[in-house]
Amino acid sequence: MDIIIVGGGKVGSALAEELCSDNNVTIVDRNDARVKSLINDFDVMGIAGNCLQTSVLAEANVEKCSIFIAVTSSDEVNVLSCLIAKKMGARHCIARVRSPEFDKQLVFMRDELGISMMINPDYIAANEIAKVLRYPEAINIESFAKGRVDLAEIRITSGSILENITLSQLSRRLRLDVLICAVQRGEELFIPNGNSVLKAGDKIHMTASHSAMVKFFKSISAAYREKRVKSAVLIGGGRVAYHLAQQLIEMGIKVKIIEVDPERCEELSDRLNKVSICCADGTDHDVLREERVYDADAVVSLTGIDEENILLSLLAKNNGVEKVVTKVNRMTFLQLTDTLSLDSIISPKSIMVGQILQYVRAKKNSAGNNVTTLYRLVNERLEAIEFVIRDRKDYVDVPLKKLKLRSGLLIASIVRGNELIIPKGDDCLKVNDSVVIVTTNTGYKDLSDIFD
């Protein structure tokens, strides 16, 4: 596909890196040095210029563009460039927007102005944080098959009912349809089998339906109701905090926001009348004690400085807070989860890149059975990939026990219509199934590749 990316910053460069291997990618950015750097780093074309000028877009061959992605730092530039690109012939347009004022106009922008997708990184980051606060035991939760399948990452603690359990015993003991797909034990990462035994300290990745996942968390925690997050402190009152506070209030969670800017505090007070707003420096240890931050069930560090967020999270963890979530802007900080023993690290940029890539893959593969959703986990050592079987293949209608899978992978789930199937040996793959695999290998682009 011919793809134009407007904006060569961290998000634009991450998208270029992911898309350049099997698409014709052109980067447009005002900064000539940045464009030259991206051309040198990746297999892309580059144009230094103003994306609002039709001559610049014409030079980028926008009339042949399959997907136009605008991710500059300006909402208005992103929206306007998409409108111009659409008028000049681009088939699909994606705009990054951050202002809450755009939230109520998404349907109008799509239906009336032809912008296919408007993505708000702060809103989707708030969604991800809300998910991990809904399940405090989880480090991270991803979704497949339009939300029908959850993939959760969990750390097994000493004394957990999962400790020393053999996977073949798991379903019988819990009486739930769940599947452990991958286990991280220290530096070791492996796809388990029925004889694998879980140990304290393991981080496991498991799939289940949403309802089964809820029951699973209740089963593994005898004190589930006591562990449920009932109060949360958000340190930093930016856009993510605003969206998150709205969601947490709807979940019945008591919310306090600590924000240093008086004007922003007034704005939050006007918009969030059920939230306690404290105008103070959330990085001040005395303030944290005075506001009884460490008594909260969860602390979410949301300042604009990554290093502050990491230190605040470590401080909260060391003072006994059960659930700590850390927002980082630099995607390279995601690997600090293990190094610093942090609970959950959320990167709005990383989440946004993932959602845009899902959209691009869905459009590219609408006529085939290639990847529709892909998550890279454990510092990109593990991939969870969703395929849709659109045509009859050799492996269709054959019991899985008769198919030989490549090593280092597992078929984690099959979605057939509204039915979720945790696969067993007698199950078969069928046309139109959504199939999720989890693998320690990389580079699978077709479901046929997983079979020997």
Protein backbone atom coordinates (compact mmCIF):
# COMPACT_ATOMS: atom_id res chain seq x y z
CA MET A 1 0.00 0.00 0.00
CA ASP A 2 1.01 3.64 -0.53
CA ILE A 3 1.02 5.34 2.88
CA ILE A 4 1.77 8.98 3.71
CA ILE A 5 2.73 9.90 7.28
CA VAL A 6 2.58 13.59 8.15
CA GLY A 7 4.73 14.36 11.18
CA GLY A 8 8.10 12.71 11.70
CA GLY A 9 8.27 12.83 15.49
CA LYS A 10 8.30 9.83 17.82
CA VAL A 11 4.91 8.53 16.69
CA GLY A 12 5.56 9.15 13.01
CA SER A 13 8.98 7.49 13.14
CA ALA A 14 7.57 4.49 15.05
CA LEU A 15 4.86 4.08 12.41
CA ALA A 16 7.40 4.41 9.61
CA GLU A 17 9.58 1.72 11.17
CA GLU A 18 6.65 -0.70 11.44
CA LEU A 19 5.14 -0.03 8.01
CA CYS A 20 8.13 0.45 5.73
CA SER A 21 8.97 -3.23 5.26
CA ASP A 22 5.86 -4.10 3.24
CA ASN A 23 4.40 -0.74 2.19
CA ASN A 24 5.49 2.30 0.20
CA VAL A 25 5.85 4.91 2.93
CA THR A 26 6.39 8.66 2.46
CA ILE A 27 7.15 10.96 5.40
CA VAL A 28 6.20 14.66 5.24
CA ASP A 29 7.65 17.02 7.86
CA ARG A 30 8.69 20.67 8.01
CA ASN A 31 12.06 19.76 9.56
CA ASP A 32 14.51 18.93 6.78
CA ALA A 33 17.06 17.33 9.14
CA ARG A 34 14.40 15.09 10.63
CA VAL A 35 13.25 13.96 7.19
CA LYS A 36 16.83 13.14 6.16
CA SER A 37 17.34 11.16 9.38
CA LEU A 38 14.20 9.08 8.76
CA ILE A 39 15.24 8.40 5.16
CA ASN A 40 18.61 7.15 6.43
CA ASP A 41 17.09 5.03 9.20
CA PHE A 42 14.21 3.42 7.29
CA ASP A 43 13.25 2.43 3.77
CA VAL A 44 10.99 5.45 3.23
CA MET A 45 10.62 8.44 0.94
CA GLY A 46 10.80 11.86 2.57
CA ILE A 47 9.59 15.36 1.74
CA ALA A 48 10.45 18.45 3.77
CA GLY A 49 7.55 20.87 3.55
CA ASN A 50 4.22 22.12 4.85
CA CYS A 51 1.57 19.39 4.80
CA LEU A 52 -1.15 22.02 4.33
CA GLN A 53 0.22 23.00 0.93
CA THR A 54 -1.37 21.12 -1.93
CA SER A 55 1.89 21.24 -3.87
CA VAL A 56 3.67 19.34 -1.09
CA LEU A 57 0.94 16.70 -0.92
CA ALA A 58 0.93 16.41 -4.71
CA GLU A 59 4.70 15.79 -4.59
CA ALA A 60 3.97 12.98 -2.11
CA ASN A 61 1.52 11.46 -4.67
CA VAL A 62 -1.44 11.87 -2.34
CA GLU A 63 -3.84 11.03 -5.18
CA LYS A 64 -2.50 7.45 -5.09
CA CYS A 65 -2.41 7.26 -1.29
CA SER A 66 -4.22 4.32 0.33
CA ILE A 67 -3.88 5.65 3.89
CA PHE A 68 -2.96 9.19 4.97
CA ILE A 69 -1.85 9.45 8.63
CA ALA A 70 -1.50 12.89 10.26
CA VAL A 71 0.36 12.81 13.60
CA THR A 72 1.88 16.28 13.96
CA SER A 73 1.76 18.06 17.33
CA SER A 74 -1.20 20.22 16.20
CA ASP A 75 -4.79 18.91 16.21
CA GLU A 76 -5.88 21.53 13.72
CA VAL A 77 -3.06 20.76 11.28
CA ASN A 78 -3.83 17.05 11.49
CA VAL A 79 -7.54 17.52 10.81
CA LEU A 80 -7.08 20.08 8.04
CA SER A 81 -4.35 18.08 6.29
CA CYS A 82 -6.65 15.04 6.32
CA LEU A 83 -9.46 17.07 4.75
CA ILE A 84 -7.13 18.37 2.02
CA ALA A 85 -5.68 14.89 1.41
CA LYS A 86 -9.17 13.38 1.18
CA LYS A 87 -10.19 16.01 -1.34
CA MET A 88 -7.05 15.29 -3.38
CA GLY A 89 -7.77 11.56 -3.59
CA ALA A 90 -6.48 9.79 -0.45
CA ARG A 91 -8.77 6.83 0.25
CA HIS A 92 -8.49 6.66 4.05
CA CYS A 93 -7.36 9.37 6.48
CA ILE A 94 -6.31 9.10 10.14
CA ALA A 95 -5.84 12.14 12.38
CA ARG A 96 -4.35 12.35 15.86
CA VAL A 97 -6.33 14.76 18.04
CA ARG A 98 -5.84 15.50 21.73
CA SER A 99 -8.31 18.28 22.53
CA PRO A 100 -11.44 17.06 24.39
CA GLU A 101 -13.44 19.49 22.22
CA PHE A 102 -13.11 17.02 19.33
CA ASP A 103 -14.60 14.12 21.32
CA LYS A 104 -18.21 14.99 20.48
CA GLN A 105 -17.45 15.53 16.79
CA LEU A 106 -15.93 12.15 15.94
CA VAL A 107 -19.03 10.81 14.17
CA PHE A 108 -19.48 14.06 12.22
CA MET A 109 -15.82 14.07 11.18
CA ARG A 110 -16.08 10.49 9.95
CA ASP A 111 -19.49 10.56 8.28
CA GLU A 112 -19.60 14.10 6.91
CA LEU A 113 -15.96 15.00 6.33
CA GLY A 114 -14.57 11.57 5.46
CA ILE A 115 -11.88 11.26 8.14
CA SER A 116 -11.78 7.52 8.66
CA MET A 117 -10.26 7.52 12.13
CA MET A 118 -9.62 10.17 14.76
CA ILE A 119 -7.48 8.88 17.59
CA ASN A 120 -6.95 10.59 20.92
CA PRO A 121 -3.81 9.20 22.66
CA ASP A 122 -4.83 10.61 26.04
CA TYR A 123 -8.27 9.01 25.90
CA ILE A 124 -7.01 5.59 24.85
CA ALA A 125 -4.28 5.75 27.51
CA ALA A 126 -6.99 6.46 30.09
CA ASN A 127 -8.91 3.43 28.80
CA GLU A 128 -5.86 1.21 29.28
CA ILE A 129 -5.25 2.51 32.81
CA ALA A 130 -8.91 1.99 33.70
CA LYS A 131 -8.65 -1.63 32.54
CA VAL A 132 -5.69 -2.42 34.78
CA LEU A 133 -7.39 -0.71 37.73
CA ARG A 134 -10.49 -2.81 37.10
CA TYR A 135 -8.26 -5.89 37.52
CA PRO A 136 -5.60 -4.87 40.08
CA GLU A 137 -3.85 -8.24 39.82
CA ALA A 138 -3.16 -7.66 36.11
CA ILE A 139 -0.05 -5.89 34.83
CA ASN A 140 -1.55 -5.37 31.40
CA ILE A 141 -4.68 -6.36 29.44
CA GLU A 142 -5.08 -6.40 25.65
CA SER A 143 -8.14 -7.28 23.56
CA PHE A 144 -8.71 -9.20 20.34
CA ALA A 145 -11.65 -10.02 18.08
CA LYS A 146 -13.43 -6.72 18.77
CA GLY A 147 -13.20 -7.17 22.53
CA ARG A 148 -14.39 -10.80 22.67
CA VAL A 149 -10.98 -12.09 23.80
CA ASP A 150 -8.85 -10.68 26.63
CA LEU A 151 -5.10 -11.28 26.90
CA ALA A 152 -3.91 -10.56 30.43
CA GLU A 153 -0.41 -10.40 31.92
CA ILE A 154 -0.24 -11.44 35.58
CA ARG A 155 2.55 -11.91 38.11
CA ILE A 156 2.19 -15.00 40.34
CA THR A 157 2.82 -14.09 43.97
CA SER A 158 4.00 -16.39 46.72
CA GLY A 159 1.03 -18.21 48.25
CA SER A 160 -1.19 -17.75 45.18
CA ILE A 161 -3.40 -20.72 44.29
CA LEU A 162 -1.56 -20.69 40.95
CA GLU A 163 1.80 -21.34 42.59
CA ASN A 164 3.14 -24.86 41.86
CA ILE A 165 0.09 -25.77 39.79
CA THR A 166 0.53 -27.89 36.66
CA LEU A 167 -1.19 -26.35 33.65
CA SER A 168 -3.06 -29.58 32.90
CA GLN A 169 -4.73 -29.16 36.32
CA LEU A 170 -5.58 -25.48 35.89
CA SER A 171 -8.96 -25.68 34.13
CA ARG A 172 -10.14 -28.50 36.40
CA ARG A 173 -9.16 -26.68 39.57
CA LEU A 174 -10.62 -23.32 38.57
CA ARG A 175 -13.45 -24.72 36.42
CA LEU A 176 -12.88 -21.96 33.91
CA ASP A 177 -12.06 -21.91 30.20
CA VAL A 178 -8.71 -20.09 30.32
CA LEU A 179 -5.41 -20.77 28.57
CA ILE A 180 -1.90 -19.91 29.76
CA CYS A 181 -0.10 -18.93 26.54
CA ALA A 182 3.35 -17.84 27.68
CA VAL A 183 5.46 -17.78 30.84
CA GLN A 184 8.28 -15.40 31.69
CA ARG A 185 10.56 -16.74 34.42
CA GLY A 186 13.39 -14.32 35.07
CA GLU A 187 15.10 -13.84 31.71
CA GLU A 188 13.57 -17.03 30.30
CA LEU A 189 10.45 -16.77 28.11
CA PHE A 190 8.70 -19.92 26.91
CA ILE A 191 5.47 -21.31 25.53
CA PRO A 192 4.25 -23.81 28.16
CA ASN A 193 2.69 -27.23 27.72
CA GLY A 194 0.37 -29.27 29.93
CA ASN A 195 3.26 -30.47 32.09
CA SER A 196 4.59 -26.99 32.84
CA VAL A 197 4.47 -25.95 36.50
CA LEU A 198 3.92 -22.32 37.49
CA LYS A 199 6.23 -20.78 40.08
CA ALA A 200 6.05 -17.74 42.34
CA GLY A 201 7.53 -14.76 40.52
CA ASP A 202 6.46 -16.01 37.08
CA LYS A 203 4.73 -13.56 34.80
CA ILE A 204 2.09 -15.36 32.76
CA HIS A 205 0.12 -14.32 29.68
CA MET A 206 -3.33 -15.86 29.46
CA THR A 207 -6.39 -15.64 27.21
CA ALA A 208 -10.08 -15.93 28.10
CA SER A 209 -13.41 -14.33 27.35
CA HIS A 210 -14.13 -11.14 29.25
CA SER A 211 -16.59 -12.91 31.59
CA ALA A 212 -14.19 -15.80 32.21
CA MET A 213 -11.41 -13.31 32.95
CA VAL A 214 -13.55 -11.63 35.62
CA LYS A 215 -14.27 -15.02 37.20
CA PHE A 216 -10.60 -15.95 36.96
CA PHE A 217 -9.50 -12.92 38.97
CA LYS A 218 -12.14 -13.68 41.59
CA SER A 219 -10.94 -17.28 41.75
CA ILE A 220 -7.25 -16.50 42.22
CA SER A 221 -7.91 -13.91 44.91
CA ALA A 222 -9.86 -15.07 47.93
CA ALA A 223 -9.92 -11.42 49.04
CA TYR A 224 -11.04 -10.13 45.63
CA ARG A 225 -13.59 -7.70 47.04
CA GLU A 226 -11.05 -6.32 49.50
CA LYS A 227 -8.42 -5.99 46.76
CA ARG A 228 -10.74 -4.20 44.38
CA VAL A 229 -9.66 -0.61 43.83
CA LYS A 230 -12.00 1.68 45.71
CA SER A 231 -9.87 4.84 45.84
CA ALA A 232 -7.27 6.24 43.46
CA VAL A 233 -4.94 9.24 43.50
CA LEU A 234 -3.89 10.73 40.16
CA ILE A 235 -0.69 12.79 40.39
CA GLY A 236 -0.83 15.27 37.53
CA GLY A 237 -4.01 16.81 36.15
CA GLY A 238 -3.43 16.74 32.41
CA ARG A 239 -5.63 15.34 29.66
CA VAL A 240 -5.07 11.69 30.60
CA ALA A 241 -6.09 12.45 34.19
CA TYR A 242 -9.26 14.19 32.98
CA HIS A 243 -10.37 11.24 30.83
CA LEU A 244 -9.33 8.68 33.45
CA ALA A 245 -11.14 10.42 36.30
CA GLN A 246 -14.39 10.32 34.31
CA GLN A 247 -14.07 6.58 33.79
CA LEU A 248 -13.08 5.81 37.39
CA ILE A 249 -16.05 7.73 38.77
CA GLU A 250 -18.33 5.64 36.55
CA MET A 251 -16.64 2.52 38.00
CA GLY A 252 -17.53 3.68 41.52
CA ILE A 253 -13.96 4.57 42.47
CA LYS A 254 -13.25 7.58 44.70
CA VAL A 255 -10.79 9.85 42.85
CA LYS A 256 -8.40 12.57 43.96
CA ILE A 257 -6.25 14.59 41.53
CA ILE A 258 -3.13 16.45 42.69
CA GLU A 259 -2.16 19.21 40.25
CA VAL A 260 0.31 22.06 40.74
CA ASP A 261 -1.20 24.58 38.25
CA PRO A 262 -4.01 26.65 39.91
CA GLU A 263 -5.71 27.47 36.60
CA ARG A 264 -5.81 23.82 35.60
CA CYS A 265 -7.20 22.94 39.04
CA GLU A 266 -10.07 25.40 38.52
CA GLU A 267 -10.76 23.93 35.10
CA LEU A 268 -10.80 20.39 36.47
CA SER A 269 -13.06 21.45 39.35
CA ASP A 270 -15.57 22.88 36.88
CA ARG A 271 -15.54 19.73 34.69
CA LEU A 272 -15.25 17.01 37.35
CA ASN A 273 -17.60 17.85 40.17
CA LYS A 274 -17.35 14.38 41.76
CA VAL A 275 -13.55 14.45 41.94
CA SER A 276 -11.47 15.89 44.80
CA ILE A 277 -8.95 18.38 43.36
CA CYS A 278 -5.84 19.27 45.39
CA CYS A 279 -3.77 22.21 44.17
CA ALA A 280 -0.27 21.24 45.26
CA ASP A 281 3.04 19.88 44.02
CA GLY A 282 2.51 16.12 43.70
CA THR A 283 6.26 15.53 43.63
CA ASP A 284 6.65 16.95 47.15
CA HIS A 285 6.96 14.11 49.65
CA ASP A 286 5.33 16.18 52.43
CA VAL A 287 2.32 16.85 50.18
CA LEU A 288 1.98 13.14 49.45
CA ARG A 289 1.88 12.36 53.17
CA GLU A 290 -0.47 15.24 54.02
CA GLU A 291 -2.89 14.13 51.32
CA ARG A 292 -2.67 10.52 52.53
CA VAL A 293 -1.69 9.36 49.07
CA TYR A 294 -0.17 6.15 50.37
CA ASP A 295 -3.51 5.13 51.92
CA ALA A 296 -5.12 4.94 48.46
CA ASP A 297 -5.74 1.58 46.79
CA ALA A 298 -4.10 2.87 43.59
CA VAL A 299 -1.73 5.66 42.60
CA VAL A 300 -1.36 6.76 38.97
CA SER A 301 1.58 9.05 38.15
CA LEU A 302 0.62 11.29 35.22
CA THR A 303 2.96 14.27 35.27
CA GLY A 304 4.56 15.44 32.04
CA ILE A 305 8.04 14.22 33.03
CA ASP A 306 8.80 10.50 32.69
CA GLU A 307 11.50 10.46 35.36
CA GLU A 308 9.16 12.10 37.88
CA ASN A 309 6.47 9.54 37.14
CA ILE A 310 8.87 6.63 37.62
CA LEU A 311 10.22 7.99 40.92
CA LEU A 312 6.72 8.76 42.21
CA SER A 313 5.59 5.24 41.36
CA LEU A 314 8.58 3.69 43.13
CA LEU A 315 7.87 5.87 46.15
CA ALA A 316 4.21 4.82 46.23
CA LYS A 317 5.16 1.15 45.84
CA ASN A 318 7.72 1.35 48.63
CA ASN A 319 5.10 2.94 50.89
CA GLY A 320 2.68 0.07 50.50
CA VAL A 321 0.31 1.16 47.73
CA GLU A 322 -1.14 -2.04 46.23
CA LYS A 323 -1.58 -0.89 42.62
CA VAL A 324 0.69 1.62 40.90
CA VAL A 325 0.43 2.76 37.28
CA THR A 326 3.12 4.84 35.57
CA LYS A 327 2.64 6.95 32.45
CA VAL A 328 5.70 7.40 30.25
CA ASN A 329 6.04 9.29 26.99
CA ARG A 330 9.26 7.67 25.82
CA MET A 331 8.39 4.22 24.53
CA THR A 332 11.87 2.97 25.43
CA PHE A 333 10.92 3.20 29.11
CA LEU A 334 8.39 0.38 28.72
CA GLN A 335 11.11 -2.18 29.44
CA LEU A 336 11.58 -0.77 32.95
CA THR A 337 8.64 -2.80 34.27
CA ASP A 338 10.92 -5.70 35.19
CA THR A 339 14.10 -3.73 35.92
CA LEU A 340 12.46 -1.51 38.57
CA SER A 341 9.66 -3.89 39.65
CA LEU A 342 6.97 -1.44 38.62
CA ASP A 343 3.39 -2.66 38.29
CA SER A 344 2.08 -1.27 35.02
CA ILE A 345 3.68 1.18 32.61
CA ILE A 346 1.44 2.94 30.09
CA SER A 347 2.76 4.78 27.04
CA PRO A 348 0.09 6.81 25.20
CA LYS A 349 2.32 7.03 22.12
CA SER A 350 2.89 3.27 22.06
CA ILE A 351 -0.81 2.53 22.44
CA MET A 352 -1.70 4.98 19.69
CA VAL A 353 0.87 3.49 17.32
CA GLY A 354 -0.60 0.06 18.01
CA GLN A 355 -4.16 1.16 17.24
CA ILE A 356 -3.16 2.90 14.02
CA LEU A 357 -1.24 -0.21 12.92
CA GLN A 358 -4.31 -2.34 13.61
CA TYR A 359 -6.39 -0.09 11.36
CA VAL A 360 -3.78 -0.18 8.59
CA ARG A 361 -3.51 -3.97 8.75
CA ALA A 362 -7.28 -4.37 8.70
CA LYS A 363 -7.54 -2.27 5.52
CA LYS A 364 -4.62 -3.98 3.87
CA ASN A 365 -5.79 -7.47 4.64
CA SER A 366 -9.54 -7.08 4.16
CA ALA A 367 -9.40 -9.43 1.19
CA GLY A 368 -6.98 -11.95 2.65
CA ASN A 369 -6.19 -13.78 5.88
CA ASN A 370 -3.12 -11.92 7.05
CA VAL A 371 -2.55 -10.16 10.36
CA THR A 372 -5.42 -7.99 11.60
CA THR A 373 -4.17 -7.34 15.16
CA LEU A 374 -0.67 -7.61 16.58
CA TYR A 375 0.68 -6.89 20.05
CA ARG A 376 4.36 -7.05 20.93
CA LEU A 377 4.97 -7.91 24.57
CA VAL A 378 7.89 -8.63 26.94
CA ASN A 379 10.16 -6.05 25.29
CA GLU A 380 9.07 -7.30 21.84
CA ARG A 381 10.17 -10.88 22.60
CA LEU A 382 6.58 -12.16 22.47
CA GLU A 383 3.94 -11.57 19.80
CA ALA A 384 0.21 -12.07 20.07
CA ILE A 385 -1.27 -12.06 16.57
CA GLU A 386 -4.85 -12.23 15.31
CA PHE A 387 -5.64 -13.66 11.88
CA VAL A 388 -8.96 -13.94 10.07
CA ILE A 389 -9.44 -16.97 7.80
CA ARG A 390 -11.20 -15.61 4.73
CA ASP A 391 -10.56 -18.45 2.27
CA ARG A 392 -10.56 -22.21 2.46
CA LYS A 393 -7.05 -23.53 3.14
CA ASP A 394 -5.45 -26.93 3.69
CA TYR A 395 -5.63 -26.51 7.47
CA VAL A 396 -9.37 -25.67 7.52
CA ASP A 397 -11.72 -28.35 8.98
CA VAL A 398 -8.77 -30.45 10.15
CA PRO A 399 -8.60 -31.33 13.91
CA LEU A 400 -5.81 -29.35 15.51
CA LYS A 401 -4.24 -32.52 16.91
CA LYS A 402 -3.57 -33.63 13.31
CA LEU A 403 -1.84 -30.36 12.38
CA LYS A 404 1.84 -29.89 13.13
CA LEU A 405 2.60 -26.46 14.57
CA ARG A 406 6.00 -24.85 14.44
CA SER A 407 7.86 -24.70 17.74
CA GLY A 408 7.56 -21.69 20.00
CA LEU A 409 3.90 -20.91 19.37
CA LEU A 410 0.42 -21.69 20.60
CA ILE A 411 -3.07 -21.21 19.19
CA ALA A 412 -4.55 -19.20 22.05
CA SER A 413 -8.17 -18.75 20.97
CA ILE A 414 -10.65 -19.13 18.14
CA VAL A 415 -13.60 -16.76 17.75
CA ARG A 416 -16.44 -18.08 15.62
CA GLY A 417 -19.28 -15.59 15.36
CA ASN A 418 -20.04 -14.66 18.96
CA GLU A 419 -18.54 -17.88 20.33
CA LEU A 420 -15.10 -17.98 21.93
CA ILE A 421 -13.33 -21.32 21.74
CA ILE A 422 -10.31 -22.11 23.90
CA PRO A 423 -8.83 -24.64 21.47
CA LYS A 424 -8.35 -28.32 22.20
CA GLY A 425 -7.08 -31.16 20.02
CA ASP A 426 -10.45 -32.03 18.47
CA ASP A 427 -11.31 -28.43 17.53
CA CYS A 428 -11.00 -27.33 13.88
CA LEU A 429 -10.34 -24.01 12.19
CA LYS A 430 -13.08 -22.79 9.85
CA VAL A 431 -13.52 -20.06 7.25
CA ASN A 432 -14.29 -16.66 8.87
CA ASP A 433 -12.78 -17.68 12.21
CA SER A 434 -10.65 -15.14 14.06
CA VAL A 435 -7.58 -17.00 15.30
CA VAL A 436 -5.19 -15.65 17.94
CA ILE A 437 -1.71 -17.15 18.23
CA VAL A 438 0.97 -16.35 20.80
CA THR A 439 4.58 -16.93 19.76
CA THR A 440 8.15 -16.30 20.83
CA ASN A 441 9.06 -16.14 17.14
CA THR A 442 8.51 -13.04 15.02
CA GLY A 443 7.56 -12.26 11.47
CA TYR A 444 4.46 -14.39 10.92
CA LYS A 445 2.34 -12.61 8.31
CA ASP A 446 -0.01 -15.43 7.29
CA LEU A 447 -1.71 -18.14 9.30
CA SER A 448 -0.26 -20.74 6.93
CA ASP A 449 3.22 -19.84 8.24
CA ILE A 450 2.54 -21.37 11.66
CA PHE A 451 2.22 -24.93 10.31
CA ASP A 452 5.14 -27.23 9.42
